[in-house]
Amino acid sequence: MASVLASAAHAAHNVAASLLAHFQIQPGGTIHSVDVKEDAPNKAIPLTLTGKNIIIGVPGAFTTPCNSHIPAYIENFNAFKEKGDNAIYVFGVNDAFVMKAWKESLAPNGTPIHFIADDKGAFVGSLGLIFDATGLLGGPRSKRFAIVTEGNKVLSVAVEDAPPNVTVTSAKSVLASL
């Protein structure tokens, strides 16, 4: 009985993830205000986007592709500021403990980049940028993406063709597009 329920739940999740992917946010769309977790799992604060922002989505903290993706954003933070960016947010479908530990691992001396735990995938799902990574990462995860906003209005969206790829979402590509 348990395996039947697990199979049904897995099938329902796959359908939901597939449907959400068809409604991927586009330039001109709006990032709706949501509560996010940055420093603690029991402390949600509103995501307030003012000025120009970069929102990065990653499939999994501490995974090899993600560990090679995000350091360039940390290293080039000042270059993004010079291009007029107000803030950079890194979203992962991980819990707040994992995202905080990952931030400390990648930037032991600190960084102004915000590492946000989307522990239930609600934010990424609302953007249509979630996929089923059950086989490798145990559940739904964020597609690898980079969104540029002006306030809450989406200016551009770049999504990798495959989760391990870091091409159109690299810091170098996003900087060049600004």
Protein backbone atom coordinates (compact mmCIF):
# COMPACT_ATOMS: atom_id res chain seq x y z
CA MET A 1 0.00 0.00 0.00
CA ALA A 2 2.81 2.39 0.89
CA SER A 3 4.49 1.87 -2.48
CA VAL A 4 1.20 2.59 -4.28
CA LEU A 5 0.82 5.84 -2.34
CA ALA A 6 4.45 6.78 -2.99
CA SER A 7 4.02 6.09 -6.71
CA ALA A 8 0.84 8.17 -6.83
CA ALA A 9 2.49 11.04 -4.97
CA HIS A 10 5.50 10.91 -7.29
CA ALA A 11 3.24 10.93 -10.38
CA ALA A 12 1.22 13.87 -9.02
CA HIS A 13 4.42 15.78 -8.31
CA ASN A 14 5.71 15.15 -11.85
CA VAL A 15 2.46 16.45 -13.34
CA ALA A 16 2.54 19.56 -11.13
CA ALA A 17 6.19 20.28 -11.95
CA SER A 18 5.49 19.83 -15.65
CA LEU A 19 2.51 22.19 -15.56
CA LEU A 20 4.45 24.83 -13.67
CA ALA A 21 7.28 24.68 -16.21
CA HIS A 22 4.83 25.65 -18.96
CA PHE A 23 4.09 28.90 -17.15
CA GLN A 24 7.67 30.14 -16.93
CA ILE A 25 7.99 33.83 -16.11
CA GLN A 26 8.88 36.06 -19.06
CA PRO A 27 10.32 39.55 -19.51
CA GLY A 28 7.61 42.05 -18.60
CA GLY A 29 6.28 39.73 -15.89
CA THR A 30 6.08 40.58 -12.22
CA ILE A 31 7.91 39.04 -9.28
CA HIS A 32 5.29 38.96 -6.56
CA SER A 33 6.18 39.85 -3.00
CA VAL A 34 6.79 36.72 -0.94
CA ASP A 35 8.26 35.97 2.44
CA VAL A 36 11.72 34.40 2.22
CA LYS A 37 14.12 32.76 4.65
CA GLU A 38 17.69 33.97 4.63
CA ASP A 39 19.29 33.50 8.02
CA ALA A 40 16.97 31.25 10.00
CA PRO A 41 14.27 28.68 9.23
CA ASN A 42 11.78 30.30 11.60
CA LYS A 43 12.32 33.90 10.45
CA ALA A 44 10.66 34.80 7.17
CA ILE A 45 11.06 38.33 5.85
CA PRO A 46 9.44 39.95 2.80
CA LEU A 47 11.41 39.92 -0.44
CA THR A 48 11.42 43.59 -1.37
CA LEU A 49 12.93 44.30 -4.77
CA THR A 50 13.95 47.92 -5.32
CA GLY A 51 16.10 49.17 -8.14
CA LYS A 52 17.84 46.67 -10.39
CA ASN A 53 18.30 43.16 -9.02
CA ILE A 54 19.75 39.83 -10.11
CA ILE A 55 17.89 36.70 -9.00
CA ILE A 56 19.80 33.46 -9.47
CA GLY A 57 18.23 30.02 -9.14
CA VAL A 58 20.35 26.94 -8.49
CA PRO A 59 19.38 23.25 -8.34
CA GLY A 60 21.33 22.41 -5.20
CA ALA A 61 23.63 24.02 -2.69
CA PHE A 62 26.99 22.26 -2.41
CA THR A 63 26.58 20.44 -5.75
CA THR A 64 29.58 20.63 -8.08
CA PRO A 65 27.95 22.80 -10.80
CA CYS A 66 26.47 25.19 -8.22
CA ASN A 67 29.78 25.43 -6.38
CA SER A 68 31.38 26.57 -9.65
CA HIS A 69 28.47 28.85 -10.65
CA ILE A 70 28.09 31.19 -7.68
CA PRO A 71 31.70 32.18 -6.81
CA ALA A 72 31.93 34.38 -9.93
CA TYR A 73 28.94 36.39 -8.67
CA ILE A 74 30.68 36.82 -5.32
CA GLU A 75 33.97 37.82 -6.99
CA ASN A 76 32.22 40.23 -9.40
CA PHE A 77 29.77 41.78 -6.95
CA ASN A 78 31.35 45.24 -7.35
CA ALA A 79 31.16 44.97 -11.15
CA PHE A 80 27.43 44.29 -10.82
CA LYS A 81 27.10 47.32 -8.52
CA GLU A 82 28.93 49.45 -11.11
CA LYS A 83 26.31 48.36 -13.66
CA GLY A 84 23.60 49.68 -11.33
CA ASP A 85 22.52 46.48 -9.60
CA ASN A 86 21.04 46.97 -6.16
CA ALA A 87 21.15 43.38 -4.93
CA ILE A 88 21.90 39.79 -5.92
CA TYR A 89 19.78 36.94 -4.58
CA VAL A 90 20.66 33.24 -4.85
CA PHE A 91 17.63 30.96 -4.46
CA GLY A 92 17.94 27.26 -3.75
CA VAL A 93 15.27 24.70 -2.94
CA ASN A 94 17.11 23.86 0.26
CA ASP A 95 16.49 24.66 3.91
CA ALA A 96 17.86 27.79 5.59
CA PHE A 97 20.57 25.86 7.45
CA VAL A 98 21.97 24.50 4.18
CA MET A 99 21.83 27.86 2.37
CA LYS A 100 23.52 29.65 5.27
CA ALA A 101 26.26 27.00 5.50
CA TRP A 102 26.76 27.15 1.73
CA LYS A 103 27.11 30.94 1.83
CA GLU A 104 29.69 30.65 4.63
CA SER A 105 31.53 27.96 2.65
CA LEU A 106 31.67 30.01 -0.56
CA ALA A 107 32.36 33.35 1.13
CA PRO A 108 34.10 32.72 4.47
CA ASN A 109 34.88 36.44 4.75
CA GLY A 110 31.26 37.37 4.04
CA THR A 111 29.40 38.67 1.00
CA PRO A 112 26.53 41.09 0.49
CA ILE A 113 24.85 38.52 -1.78
CA HIS A 114 21.65 37.12 -0.27
CA PHE A 115 21.39 33.32 -0.11
CA ILE A 116 17.68 32.51 0.13
CA ALA A 117 16.15 29.20 1.21
CA ASP A 118 13.09 28.33 -0.88
CA ASP A 119 12.56 25.26 1.29
CA LYS A 120 9.25 24.23 -0.28
CA GLY A 121 10.01 25.46 -3.79
CA ALA A 122 7.08 27.89 -3.60
CA PHE A 123 8.93 30.94 -4.96
CA VAL A 124 10.70 29.09 -7.77
CA GLY A 125 7.48 27.23 -8.55
CA SER A 126 5.57 30.52 -8.82
CA LEU A 127 8.08 31.54 -11.52
CA GLY A 128 7.56 28.27 -13.41
CA LEU A 129 11.23 27.45 -12.90
CA ILE A 130 11.01 24.19 -10.97
CA PHE A 131 11.81 20.71 -12.22
CA ASP A 132 11.65 17.16 -10.91
CA ALA A 133 15.10 16.20 -9.63
CA THR A 134 13.89 13.29 -7.53
CA GLY A 135 16.30 10.79 -9.06
CA LEU A 136 19.42 12.80 -8.23
CA LEU A 137 18.53 15.36 -5.56
CA GLY A 138 15.52 13.76 -3.86
CA GLY A 139 12.71 16.07 -4.93
CA PRO A 140 11.73 19.17 -6.87
CA ARG A 141 14.51 21.69 -7.44
CA SER A 142 15.07 25.02 -9.08
CA LYS A 143 16.11 25.17 -12.70
CA ARG A 144 19.38 27.06 -13.12
CA PHE A 145 18.29 30.58 -14.05
CA ALA A 146 19.22 34.26 -13.91
CA ILE A 147 16.53 36.95 -13.83
CA VAL A 148 17.23 40.67 -14.02
CA THR A 149 14.54 42.90 -12.52
CA GLU A 150 13.83 46.59 -12.16
CA GLY A 151 11.91 46.61 -8.91
CA ASN A 152 9.54 43.69 -9.27
CA LYS A 153 9.31 43.92 -13.08
CA VAL A 154 11.25 41.28 -15.00
CA LEU A 155 13.67 42.73 -17.57
CA SER A 156 15.28 39.46 -18.71
CA VAL A 157 15.20 35.73 -18.03
CA ALA A 158 17.98 33.25 -18.84
CA VAL A 159 17.44 29.54 -18.17
CA GLU A 160 19.96 26.78 -18.79
CA ASP A 161 18.94 23.94 -21.12
CA ALA A 162 20.18 21.38 -18.58
CA PRO A 163 20.68 21.85 -14.82
CA PRO A 164 24.45 21.17 -14.78
CA ASN A 165 25.15 23.77 -17.48
CA VAL A 166 26.49 27.20 -16.55
CA THR A 167 26.51 29.26 -19.73
CA VAL A 168 23.68 31.81 -20.14
CA THR A 169 23.39 32.15 -16.34
CA SER A 170 27.09 32.67 -15.66
CA ALA A 171 28.16 35.91 -13.99
CA LYS A 172 30.12 36.77 -17.15
CA SER A 173 27.04 36.33 -19.40
CA VAL A 174 24.72 38.24 -17.07
CA LEU A 175 27.22 41.10 -16.67
CA ALA A 176 27.60 41.33 -20.45
CA SER A 177 23.80 41.57 -20.83
CA LEU A 178 23.45 44.56 -18.52
